[in-house]
Protein backbone atom coordinates (compact mmCIF):
# COMPACT_ATOMS: atom_id res chain seq x y z
CA MET A 1 -49.52 -166.16 12.04
CA ARG A 2 -47.61 -167.54 9.07
CA THR A 3 -43.88 -166.94 8.88
CA PRO A 4 -42.35 -164.93 6.01
CA LEU A 5 -41.03 -168.20 4.57
CA GLU A 6 -44.47 -169.86 4.71
CA VAL A 7 -46.18 -166.86 3.07
CA THR A 8 -43.58 -166.68 0.30
CA GLU A 9 -43.56 -170.44 -0.37
CA THR A 10 -47.36 -170.53 -0.47
CA LEU A 11 -47.61 -167.62 -2.92
CA LEU A 12 -44.94 -169.11 -5.18
CA GLY A 13 -46.61 -172.53 -5.05
CA LYS A 14 -49.96 -171.12 -6.11
CA TRP A 15 -48.64 -168.53 -8.58
CA ARG A 16 -48.59 -170.78 -11.63
CA ASP A 17 -52.23 -171.91 -11.38
CA ASP A 18 -53.98 -168.99 -9.65
CA PRO A 19 -52.05 -165.73 -9.95
CA ALA A 20 -55.00 -163.44 -9.19
CA GLY A 21 -56.15 -165.53 -6.24
CA CYS A 22 -52.75 -165.72 -4.60
CA MET A 23 -52.20 -161.98 -5.10
CA ALA A 24 -55.45 -161.27 -3.26
CA ALA A 25 -54.66 -163.71 -0.44
CA TYR A 26 -50.95 -163.08 0.22
CA VAL A 27 -50.12 -159.55 -0.96
CA ASP A 28 -50.55 -156.34 1.02
CA PRO A 29 -52.81 -153.72 -0.60
CA GLU A 30 -49.89 -151.23 -0.48
CA ILE A 31 -47.23 -153.54 -1.98
CA VAL A 32 -44.25 -152.09 -3.81
CA TYR A 33 -42.96 -154.22 -6.70
CA THR A 34 -39.75 -153.47 -8.58
CA LEU A 35 -38.22 -155.13 -11.62
CA ASN A 36 -34.89 -153.90 -13.00
CA VAL A 37 -36.19 -153.71 -16.59
CA SER A 38 -37.20 -150.58 -18.45
CA PRO A 39 -40.99 -150.12 -18.41
CA ASP A 40 -40.66 -149.10 -22.08
CA ALA A 41 -39.56 -152.65 -22.91
CA LEU A 42 -41.72 -154.64 -20.49
CA LEU A 43 -45.04 -153.63 -18.94
CA LEU A 44 -43.92 -154.90 -15.52
CA GLY A 45 -40.59 -153.05 -15.54
CA GLY A 46 -39.66 -150.33 -13.10
CA GLU A 47 -41.53 -149.75 -9.84
CA THR A 48 -45.24 -150.37 -9.30
CA HIS A 49 -47.27 -149.46 -6.22
CA GLY A 50 -50.43 -151.10 -4.90
CA ARG A 51 -51.86 -154.61 -5.16
CA ASP A 52 -54.38 -153.73 -7.87
CA ALA A 53 -51.73 -152.16 -10.14
CA VAL A 54 -49.25 -154.99 -9.54
CA THR A 55 -51.94 -157.60 -10.18
CA VAL A 56 -52.93 -155.95 -13.48
CA LYS A 57 -49.30 -155.91 -14.63
CA MET A 58 -48.62 -159.48 -13.50
CA LEU A 59 -51.70 -160.76 -15.29
CA GLY A 60 -50.67 -158.74 -18.35
CA ILE A 61 -47.40 -160.69 -18.42
CA ARG A 62 -49.38 -163.93 -18.17
CA GLU A 63 -51.37 -162.83 -21.24
CA GLN A 64 -48.11 -162.48 -23.20
CA PHE A 65 -46.29 -165.59 -21.97
CA ASP A 66 -46.99 -169.23 -21.15
CA TYR A 67 -45.01 -170.47 -18.17
CA LEU A 68 -43.27 -173.67 -19.27
CA VAL A 69 -40.84 -173.79 -16.33
CA PHE A 70 -41.13 -171.84 -13.09
CA LYS A 71 -38.91 -173.31 -10.38
CA PRO A 72 -38.35 -171.14 -7.33
CA ARG A 73 -35.65 -172.08 -4.82
CA ILE A 74 -35.39 -170.35 -1.47
CA PHE A 75 -31.79 -169.61 -0.68
CA SER A 76 -32.02 -167.48 2.45
CA VAL A 77 -34.36 -166.06 5.05
CA SER A 78 -33.33 -163.17 7.26
CA GLY A 79 -36.06 -161.74 9.49
CA ASP A 80 -38.88 -160.56 7.23
CA VAL A 81 -36.87 -160.98 4.00
CA VAL A 82 -36.92 -164.13 1.87
CA ARG A 83 -34.44 -164.39 -1.01
CA ILE A 84 -35.20 -166.65 -3.94
CA ARG A 85 -33.63 -167.83 -7.18
CA ILE A 86 -36.19 -168.67 -9.87
CA GLU A 87 -35.38 -170.70 -12.95
CA TYR A 88 -37.83 -169.91 -15.75
CA VAL A 89 -38.70 -170.77 -19.31
CA PHE A 90 -41.51 -168.66 -20.76
CA GLN A 91 -42.97 -168.99 -24.23
CA HIS A 92 -43.95 -165.74 -25.89
CA LYS A 93 -47.47 -166.43 -27.17
CA ALA A 94 -47.36 -164.15 -30.21
CA SER A 95 -44.02 -165.33 -31.59
CA GLY A 96 -43.66 -168.80 -30.07
CA GLU A 97 -40.11 -167.85 -29.03
CA LEU A 98 -38.69 -169.00 -25.70
CA LEU A 99 -37.35 -166.69 -23.02
CA SER A 100 -35.31 -168.51 -20.40
CA GLY A 101 -32.99 -167.75 -17.55
CA ASN A 102 -32.79 -167.18 -13.83
CA MET A 103 -33.94 -164.30 -11.72
CA ARG A 104 -33.34 -163.31 -8.14
CA SER A 105 -36.20 -162.13 -6.00
CA GLU A 106 -36.35 -160.60 -2.57
CA PHE A 107 -39.72 -160.79 -0.81
CA THR A 108 -40.40 -158.71 2.31
CA VAL A 109 -43.26 -159.98 4.48
CA ARG A 110 -44.97 -158.19 7.37
CA ASP A 111 -48.00 -159.27 9.36
CA GLY A 112 -48.50 -162.30 7.12
CA LEU A 113 -48.59 -160.35 3.82
CA ILE A 114 -45.99 -159.59 1.17
CA VAL A 115 -45.28 -155.84 1.31
CA ARG A 116 -42.41 -155.60 -1.15
CA VAL A 117 -40.90 -157.64 -3.98
CA ASP A 118 -37.67 -156.68 -5.71
CA GLU A 119 -36.80 -158.79 -8.75
CA PHE A 120 -33.54 -158.80 -10.65
CA VAL A 121 -33.17 -160.29 -14.13
CA ASP A 122 -30.72 -159.99 -16.99
CA ALA A 123 -32.28 -156.68 -18.01
CA PRO A 124 -30.47 -156.20 -21.36
CA MET A 125 -31.47 -159.71 -22.46
CA ILE A 126 -35.14 -159.23 -21.45
CA GLU A 127 -35.29 -155.78 -23.05
CA SER A 128 -33.74 -157.07 -26.29
CA PHE A 129 -36.12 -160.03 -26.39
CA MET A 130 -39.16 -157.81 -25.92
CA ARG A 131 -38.03 -155.31 -28.55
CA LEU A 132 -37.45 -158.13 -31.06
CA PHE A 133 -40.54 -160.24 -30.44
CA ALA A 134 -43.22 -158.15 -28.72
CA LYS A 135 -44.37 -156.73 -32.03
CA ASN A 136 -45.15 -160.15 -33.54
């Protein structure tokens, strides 16, 4: 069986080119995904349960943004938990504006599948960006 690190690295490596495929292959059907952004500002914000719901929201983000830079860096592994820092630059398709920064992610893996992802971003910056440019 693949280690938590191998599962996480594989999903992150395939995420850019095949988000739906990697969700189906590496994510538990009962996944819990959290993002510390208000769901009123960003579709993916708050807590989402279940692979189908998380996949829909993740693909919805991909419909709004082009990924120009997506550089994950593993910084620790402790048992089933893999902690990551991700540098990103996304281009908002409707406005052409860039959204850039770093986020921290914590992936929990059990039995070869990701069962939980907690992501932490600069929530006020993301929420402000979305309120300013999402209507374009």
